[in-house]
C-alpha cells in the first residue's frame, strides 16, 4: 500500500523528491502517513478534499483483498 500512495502522490505534486510515505502497522490496522512540500499540499488534498478522498478510496479498495484496514493521513 505504501508504494501505491507514493506513486500516486509523486504523480500529483511539483516536487516529487519531497514526497515521504511512512507506514505503521498495528495488528490488522495500517496507518499510512503522506508528507509533501507545503506548496504541494493543495494539489494532494484537492478542492473540498476530493483528491484526498479518491486516494483513500483507491487504497481501501486495494487493501480489501488483504483483509486489512488502511487509513491514509496527509501530514
PDB file of N, CA and C in Angstrom:
ATOM      1  N   UNK A   1       0.813  -1.191   0.000  1.00  0.00           N
ATOM      2  CA  UNK A   1       0.000   0.000   0.000  1.00  0.00           C
ATOM      3  C   UNK A   1       0.862   1.264   0.000  1.00  0.00           C
ATOM      4  N   UNK A   2       1.987   1.180   0.692  1.00  0.00           N
ATOM      5  CA  UNK A   2       2.881   2.333   0.783  1.00  0.00           C
ATOM      6  C   UNK A   2       3.334   2.765  -0.604  1.00  0.00           C
ATOM      7  N   UNK A   3       3.683   1.807  -1.437  1.00  0.00           N
ATOM      8  CA  UNK A   3       4.159   2.115  -2.784  1.00  0.00           C
ATOM      9  C   UNK A   3       3.054   2.741  -3.630  1.00  0.00           C
ATOM     10  N   UNK A   4       1.837   2.265  -3.460  1.00  0.00           N
ATOM     11  CA  UNK A   4       0.704   2.802  -4.215  1.00  0.00           C
ATOM     12  C   UNK A   4       0.495   4.279  -3.891  1.00  0.00           C
ATOM     13  N   UNK A   5       0.504   4.627  -2.624  1.00  0.00           N
ATOM     14  CA  UNK A   5       0.325   6.019  -2.208  1.00  0.00           C
ATOM     15  C   UNK A   5       1.476   6.874  -2.718  1.00  0.00           C
ATOM     16  N   UNK A   6       2.677   6.333  -2.668  1.00  0.00           N
ATOM     17  CA  UNK A   6       3.852   7.087  -3.118  1.00  0.00           C
ATOM     18  C   UNK A   6       3.788   7.383  -4.615  1.00  0.00           C
ATOM     19  N   UNK A   7       3.400   6.416  -5.412  1.00  0.00           N
ATOM     20  CA  UNK A   7       3.304   6.616  -6.867  1.00  0.00           C
ATOM     21  C   UNK A   7       2.241   7.645  -7.202  1.00  0.00           C
ATOM     22  N   UNK A   8       1.090   7.557  -6.567  1.00  0.00           N
ATOM     23  CA  UNK A   8       0.005   8.500  -6.836  1.00  0.00           C
ATOM     24  C   UNK A   8       0.402   9.909  -6.416  1.00  0.00           C
ATOM     25  N   UNK A   9       0.994  10.038  -5.243  1.00  0.00           N
ATOM     26  CA  UNK A   9       1.380  11.360  -4.737  1.00  0.00           C
ATOM     27  C   UNK A   9       2.455  12.001  -5.609  1.00  0.00           C
ATOM     28  N   UNK A  10       3.441  11.224  -6.032  1.00  0.00           N
ATOM     29  CA  UNK A  10       4.505  11.774  -6.867  1.00  0.00           C
ATOM     30  C   UNK A  10       3.980  12.227  -8.225  1.00  0.00           C
ATOM     31  N   UNK A  11       2.931  11.594  -8.703  1.00  0.00           N
ATOM     32  CA  UNK A  11       2.338  11.998  -9.980  1.00  0.00           C
ATOM     33  C   UNK A  11       1.566  13.312  -9.851  1.00  0.00           C
ATOM     34  N   UNK A  12       1.128  13.653  -8.656  1.00  0.00           N
ATOM     35  CA  UNK A  12       0.308  14.847  -8.452  1.00  0.00           C
ATOM     36  C   UNK A  12       1.107  16.111  -8.163  1.00  0.00           C
ATOM     37  N   UNK A  13       2.245  15.983  -7.514  1.00  0.00           N
ATOM     38  CA  UNK A  13       2.962  17.149  -6.989  1.00  0.00           C
ATOM     39  C   UNK A  13       4.017  17.675  -7.962  1.00  0.00           C
ATOM     40  N   UNK A  14       4.465  18.916  -7.693  1.00  0.00           N
ATOM     41  CA  UNK A  14       5.529  19.517  -8.489  1.00  0.00           C
ATOM     42  C   UNK A  14       6.904  19.157  -7.953  1.00  0.00           C
ATOM     43  N   UNK A  15       6.995  18.805  -6.686  1.00  0.00           N
ATOM     44  CA  UNK A  15       8.267  18.438  -6.060  1.00  0.00           C
ATOM     45  C   UNK A  15       8.224  16.975  -5.612  1.00  0.00           C
ATOM     46  N   UNK A  16       8.359  16.039  -6.548  1.00  0.00           N
ATOM     47  CA  UNK A  16       8.253  14.626  -6.156  1.00  0.00           C
ATOM     48  C   UNK A  16       9.373  14.144  -5.246  1.00  0.00           C
ATOM     49  N   UNK A  17      10.492  14.882  -5.196  1.00  0.00           N
ATOM     50  CA  UNK A  17      11.589  14.481  -4.320  1.00  0.00           C
ATOM     51  C   UNK A  17      11.254  14.681  -2.849  1.00  0.00           C
ATOM     52  N   UNK A  18      10.281  15.530  -2.558  1.00  0.00           N
ATOM     53  CA  UNK A  18       9.927  15.824  -1.168  1.00  0.00           C
ATOM     54  C   UNK A  18       8.776  14.972  -0.652  1.00  0.00           C
ATOM     55  N   UNK A  19       8.315  14.008  -1.438  1.00  0.00           N
ATOM     56  CA  UNK A  19       7.241  13.116  -1.006  1.00  0.00           C
ATOM     57  C   UNK A  19       7.842  12.021  -0.132  1.00  0.00           C
ATOM     58  N   UNK A  20       7.314  11.895   1.086  1.00  0.00           N
ATOM     59  CA  UNK A  20       7.762  10.873   2.026  1.00  0.00           C
ATOM     60  C   UNK A  20       6.527  10.128   2.522  1.00  0.00           C
ATOM     61  N   UNK A  21       6.564   8.806   2.407  1.00  0.00           N
ATOM     62  CA  UNK A  21       5.450   7.976   2.848  1.00  0.00           C
ATOM     63  C   UNK A  21       5.962   7.015   3.911  1.00  0.00           C
ATOM     64  N   UNK A  22       5.297   7.007   5.070  1.00  0.00           N
ATOM     65  CA  UNK A  22       5.650   6.078   6.142  1.00  0.00           C
ATOM     66  C   UNK A  22       4.458   5.191   6.445  1.00  0.00           C
ATOM     67  N   UNK A  23       4.751   3.990   6.889  1.00  0.00           N
ATOM     68  CA  UNK A  23       3.693   3.012   7.153  1.00  0.00           C
ATOM     69  C   UNK A  23       3.865   2.460   8.556  1.00  0.00           C
ATOM     70  N   UNK A  24       2.777   2.470   9.334  1.00  0.00           N
ATOM     71  CA  UNK A  24       2.785   1.931  10.693  1.00  0.00           C
ATOM     72  C   UNK A  24       1.746   0.821  10.768  1.00  0.00           C
ATOM     73  N   UNK A  25       2.141  -0.339  11.257  1.00  0.00           N
ATOM     74  CA  UNK A  25       1.233  -1.481  11.339  1.00  0.00           C
ATOM     75  C   UNK A  25       0.913  -1.776  12.793  1.00  0.00           C
ATOM     76  N   UNK A  26      -0.380  -1.914  13.068  1.00  0.00           N
ATOM     77  CA  UNK A  26      -0.848  -2.263  14.409  1.00  0.00           C
ATOM     78  C   UNK A  26      -1.882  -3.369  14.263  1.00  0.00           C
ATOM     79  N   UNK A  27      -1.426  -4.607  14.254  1.00  0.00           N
ATOM     80  CA  UNK A  27      -2.337  -5.729  14.056  1.00  0.00           C
ATOM     81  C   UNK A  27      -2.853  -5.746  12.626  1.00  0.00           C
ATOM     82  N   UNK A  28      -4.173  -5.660  12.472  1.00  0.00           N
ATOM     83  CA  UNK A  28      -4.756  -5.609  11.134  1.00  0.00           C
ATOM     84  C   UNK A  28      -5.010  -4.185  10.669  1.00  0.00           C
ATOM     85  N   UNK A  29      -4.621  -3.213  11.469  1.00  0.00           N
ATOM     86  CA  UNK A  29      -4.768  -1.808  11.094  1.00  0.00           C
ATOM     87  C   UNK A  29      -3.433  -1.268  10.609  1.00  0.00           C
ATOM     88  N   UNK A  30      -3.473  -0.572   9.486  1.00  0.00           N
ATOM     89  CA  UNK A  30      -2.279   0.037   8.916  1.00  0.00           C
ATOM     90  C   UNK A  30      -2.555   1.522   8.729  1.00  0.00           C
ATOM     91  N   UNK A  31      -1.613   2.360   9.182  1.00  0.00           N
ATOM     92  CA  UNK A  31      -1.720   3.808   9.014  1.00  0.00           C
ATOM     93  C   UNK A  31      -0.602   4.245   8.079  1.00  0.00           C
ATOM     94  N   UNK A  32      -0.980   4.874   6.982  1.00  0.00           N
ATOM     95  CA  UNK A  32      -0.014   5.380   6.021  1.00  0.00           C
ATOM     96  C   UNK A  32      -0.018   6.894   6.122  1.00  0.00           C
ATOM     97  N   UNK A  33       1.154   7.463   6.416  1.00  0.00           N
ATOM     98  CA  UNK A  33       1.286   8.913   6.528  1.00  0.00           C
ATOM     99  C   UNK A  33       1.977   9.442   5.284  1.00  0.00           C
ATOM    100  N   UNK A  34       1.377  10.450   4.679  1.00  0.00           N
ATOM    101  CA  UNK A  34       1.907  11.060   3.466  1.00  0.00           C
ATOM    102  C   UNK A  34       2.385  12.468   3.798  1.00  0.00           C
ATOM    103  N   UNK A  35       3.670  12.717   3.589  1.00  0.00           N
ATOM    104  CA  UNK A  35       4.268  14.030   3.819  1.00  0.00           C
ATOM    105  C   UNK A  35       4.652  14.615   2.467  1.00  0.00           C
ATOM    106  N   UNK A  36       4.190  15.835   2.178  1.00  0.00           N
ATOM    107  CA  UNK A  36       4.551  16.529   0.943  1.00  0.00           C
ATOM    108  C   UNK A  36       5.011  17.939   1.286  1.00  0.00           C
ATOM    109  N   UNK A  37       5.590  18.618   0.293  1.00  0.00           N
ATOM    110  CA  UNK A  37       6.011  20.000   0.496  1.00  0.00           C
ATOM    111  C   UNK A  37       4.787  20.873   0.756  1.00  0.00           C
ATOM    112  N   UNK A  38       4.986  21.945   1.485  1.00  0.00           N
ATOM    113  CA  UNK A  38       3.868  22.837   1.822  1.00  0.00           C
ATOM    114  C   UNK A  38       3.210  23.416   0.567  1.00  0.00           C
ATOM    115  N   UNK A  39       4.000  23.670  -0.452  1.00  0.00           N
ATOM    116  CA  UNK A  39       3.441  24.239  -1.682  1.00  0.00           C
ATOM    117  C   UNK A  39       2.607  23.221  -2.466  1.00  0.00           C
ATOM    118  N   UNK A  40       2.793  21.937  -2.201  1.00  0.00           N
ATOM    119  CA  UNK A  40       2.054  20.891  -2.912  1.00  0.00           C
ATOM    120  C   UNK A  40       0.867  20.356  -2.118  1.00  0.00           C
ATOM    121  N   UNK A  41       0.659  20.868  -0.928  1.00  0.00           N
ATOM    122  CA  UNK A  41      -0.408  20.349  -0.081  1.00  0.00           C
ATOM    123  C   UNK A  41      -1.781  20.482  -0.745  1.00  0.00           C
ATOM    124  N   UNK A  42      -2.032  21.605  -1.388  1.00  0.00           N
ATOM    125  CA  UNK A  42      -3.324  21.815  -2.041  1.00  0.00           C
ATOM    126  C   UNK A  42      -3.562  20.857  -3.193  1.00  0.00           C
ATOM    127  N   UNK A  43      -2.515  20.472  -3.887  1.00  0.00           N
ATOM    128  CA  UNK A  43      -2.655  19.542  -5.007  1.00  0.00           C
ATOM    129  C   UNK A  43      -2.999  18.140  -4.540  1.00  0.00           C
ATOM    130  N   UNK A  44      -2.487  17.758  -3.381  1.00  0.00           N
ATOM    131  CA  UNK A  44      -2.753  16.422  -2.856  1.00  0.00           C
ATOM    132  C   UNK A  44      -4.141  16.358  -2.224  1.00  0.00           C
ATOM    133  N   UNK A  45      -4.571  17.458  -1.615  1.00  0.00           N
ATOM    134  CA  UNK A  45      -5.886  17.472  -0.976  1.00  0.00           C
ATOM    135  C   UNK A  45      -6.986  17.729  -2.002  1.00  0.00           C
ATOM    136  N   UNK A  46      -6.793  18.677  -2.891  1.00  0.00           N
ATOM    137  CA  UNK A  46      -7.791  18.977  -3.916  1.00  0.00           C
ATOM    138  C   UNK A  46      -8.905  19.850  -3.378  1.00  0.00           C
ATOM    139  N   UNK A  47      -9.746  20.315  -4.292  1.00  0.00           N
ATOM    140  CA  UNK A  47     -10.881  21.145  -3.890  1.00  0.00           C
ATOM    141  C   UNK A  47     -11.858  20.314  -3.078  1.00  0.00           C
ATOM    142  N   UNK A  48     -12.185  20.828  -1.913  1.00  0.00           N
ATOM    143  CA  UNK A  48     -13.106  20.185  -0.972  1.00  0.00           C
ATOM    144  C   UNK A  48     -12.664  18.765  -0.615  1.00  0.00           C
ATOM    145  N   UNK A  49     -11.349  18.495  -0.718  1.00  0.00           N
ATOM    146  CA  UNK A  49     -10.812  17.201  -0.314  1.00  0.00           C
ATOM    147  C   UNK A  49     -11.075  16.066  -1.279  1.00  0.00           C
ATOM    148  N   UNK A  50     -11.406  16.380  -2.509  1.00  0.00           N
ATOM    149  CA  UNK A  50     -11.765  15.330  -3.470  1.00  0.00           C
ATOM    150  C   UNK A  50     -10.596  14.422  -3.829  1.00  0.00           C
ATOM    151  N   UNK A  51      -9.413  14.984  -4.017  1.00  0.00           N
ATOM    152  CA  UNK A  51      -8.248  14.175  -4.374  1.00  0.00           C
ATOM    153  C   UNK A  51      -7.868  13.269  -3.200  1.00  0.00           C
ATOM    154  N   UNK A  52      -7.853  13.822  -1.996  1.00  0.00           N
ATOM    155  CA  UNK A  52      -7.521  13.035  -0.806  1.00  0.00           C
ATOM    156  C   UNK A  52      -8.522  11.895  -0.622  1.00  0.00           C
ATOM    157  N   UNK A  53      -9.784  12.173  -0.838  1.00  0.00           N
ATOM    158  CA  UNK A  53     -10.817  11.141  -0.714  1.00  0.00           C
ATOM    159  C   UNK A  53     -10.625  10.055  -1.765  1.00  0.00           C
ATOM    160  N   UNK A  54     -10.245  10.452  -2.978  1.00  0.00           N
ATOM    161  CA  UNK A  54     -10.014   9.479  -4.047  1.00  0.00           C
ATOM    162  C   UNK A  54      -8.810   8.589  -3.727  1.00  0.00           C
ATOM    163  N   UNK A  55      -7.755   9.180  -3.174  1.00  0.00           N
ATOM    164  CA  UNK A  55      -6.582   8.389  -2.781  1.00  0.00           C
ATOM    165  C   UNK A  55      -6.974   7.375  -1.717  1.00  0.00           C
ATOM    166  N   UNK A  56      -7.727   7.817  -0.734  1.00  0.00           N
ATOM    167  CA  UNK A  56      -8.170   6.904   0.338  1.00  0.00           C
ATOM    168  C   UNK A  56      -9.052   5.785  -0.211  1.00  0.00           C
ATOM    169  N   UNK A  57      -9.922   6.103  -1.159  1.00  0.00           N
ATOM    170  CA  UNK A  57     -10.808   5.100  -1.749  1.00  0.00           C
ATOM    171  C   UNK A  57     -10.021   4.047  -2.502  1.00  0.00           C
ATOM    172  N   UNK A  58      -9.032   4.462  -3.280  1.00  0.00           N
ATOM    173  CA  UNK A  58      -8.210   3.519  -4.037  1.00  0.00           C
ATOM    174  C   UNK A  58      -7.424   2.613  -3.096  1.00  0.00           C
ATOM    175  N   UNK A  59      -6.864   3.180  -2.038  1.00  0.00           N
ATOM    176  CA  UNK A  59      -6.084   2.383  -1.095  1.00  0.00           C
ATOM    177  C   UNK A  59      -6.982   1.401  -0.353  1.00  0.00           C
ATOM    178  N   UNK A  60      -8.160   1.820   0.044  1.00  0.00           N
ATOM    179  CA  UNK A  60      -9.079   0.901   0.733  1.00  0.00           C
ATOM    180  C   UNK A  60      -9.518  -0.231  -0.184  1.00  0.00           C
ATOM    181  N   UNK A  61      -9.749   0.070  -1.461  1.00  0.00           N
ATOM    182  CA  UNK A  61     -10.126  -0.970  -2.408  1.00  0.00           C
ATOM    183  C   UNK A  61      -8.982  -1.959  -2.611  1.00  0.00           C
ATOM    184  N   UNK A  62      -7.760  -1.461  -2.663  1.00  0.00           N
ATOM    185  CA  UNK A  62      -6.600  -2.331  -2.838  1.00  0.00           C
ATOM    186  C   UNK A  62      -6.339  -3.178  -1.593  1.00  0.00           C
ATOM    187  N   UNK A  63      -6.658  -2.653  -0.416  1.00  0.00           N
ATOM    188  CA  UNK A  63      -6.400  -3.385   0.824  1.00  0.00           C
ATOM    189  C   UNK A  63      -7.510  -4.373   1.159  1.00  0.00           C
ATOM    190  N   UNK A  64      -8.601  -4.322   0.440  1.00  0.00           N
ATOM    191  CA  UNK A  64      -9.741  -5.193   0.740  1.00  0.00           C
ATOM    192  C   UNK A  64      -9.364  -6.664   0.606  1.00  0.00           C
ATOM    193  N   UNK A  65      -8.556  -6.996  -0.405  1.00  0.00           N
ATOM    194  CA  UNK A  65      -8.192  -8.398  -0.611  1.00  0.00           C
ATOM    195  C   UNK A  65      -7.235  -8.917   0.458  1.00  0.00           C
ATOM    196  N   UNK A  66      -6.494  -8.019   1.128  1.00  0.00           N
ATOM    197  CA  UNK A  66      -5.583  -8.418   2.196  1.00  0.00           C
ATOM    198  C   UNK A  66      -6.275  -8.535   3.543  1.00  0.00           C
ATOM    199  N   UNK A  67      -7.550  -8.159   3.595  1.00  0.00           N
ATOM    200  CA  UNK A  67      -8.341  -8.208   4.819  1.00  0.00           C
ATOM    201  C   UNK A  67      -7.719  -7.352   5.919  1.00  0.00           C
ATOM    202  N   UNK A  68      -7.233  -6.158   5.530  1.00  0.00           N
ATOM    203  CA  UNK A  68      -6.677  -5.212   6.491  1.00  0.00           C
ATOM    204  C   UNK A  68      -7.409  -3.887   6.361  1.00  0.00           C
ATOM    205  N   UNK A  69      -7.317  -3.083   7.402  1.00  0.00           N
ATOM    206  CA  UNK A  69      -7.913  -1.749   7.388  1.00  0.00           C
ATOM    207  C   UNK A  69      -6.791  -0.737   7.238  1.00  0.00           C
ATOM    208  N   UNK A  70      -6.850   0.074   6.200  1.00  0.00           N
ATOM    209  CA  UNK A  70      -5.795   1.027   5.914  1.00  0.00           C
ATOM    210  C   UNK A  70      -6.351   2.436   5.994  1.00  0.00           C
ATOM    211  N   UNK A  71      -5.674   3.298   6.764  1.00  0.00           N
ATOM    212  CA  UNK A  71      -6.018   4.697   6.870  1.00  0.00           C
ATOM    213  C   UNK A  71      -4.882   5.514   6.272  1.00  0.00           C
ATOM    214  N   UNK A  72      -5.229   6.511   5.451  1.00  0.00           N
ATOM    215  CA  UNK A  72      -4.238   7.384   4.857  1.00  0.00           C
ATOM    216  C   UNK A  72      -4.366   8.752   5.514  1.00  0.00           C
ATOM    217  N   UNK A  73      -3.266   9.227   6.084  1.00  0.00           N
ATOM    218  CA  UNK A  73      -3.233  10.539   6.716  1.00  0.00           C
ATOM    219  C   UNK A  73      -2.280  11.436   5.946  1.00  0.00           C
ATOM    220  N   UNK A  74      -2.738  12.623   5.597  1.00  0.00           N
ATOM    221  CA  UNK A  74      -1.906  13.592   4.900  1.00  0.00           C
ATOM    222  C   UNK A  74      -1.391  14.579   5.941  1.00  0.00           C
ATOM    223  N   UNK A  75      -0.081  14.589   6.121  1.00  0.00           N
ATOM    224  CA  UNK A  75       0.534  15.404   7.175  1.00  0.00           C
ATOM    225  C   UNK A  75       1.189  16.617   6.563  1.00  0.00           C
TER     226      UNK A  75
END
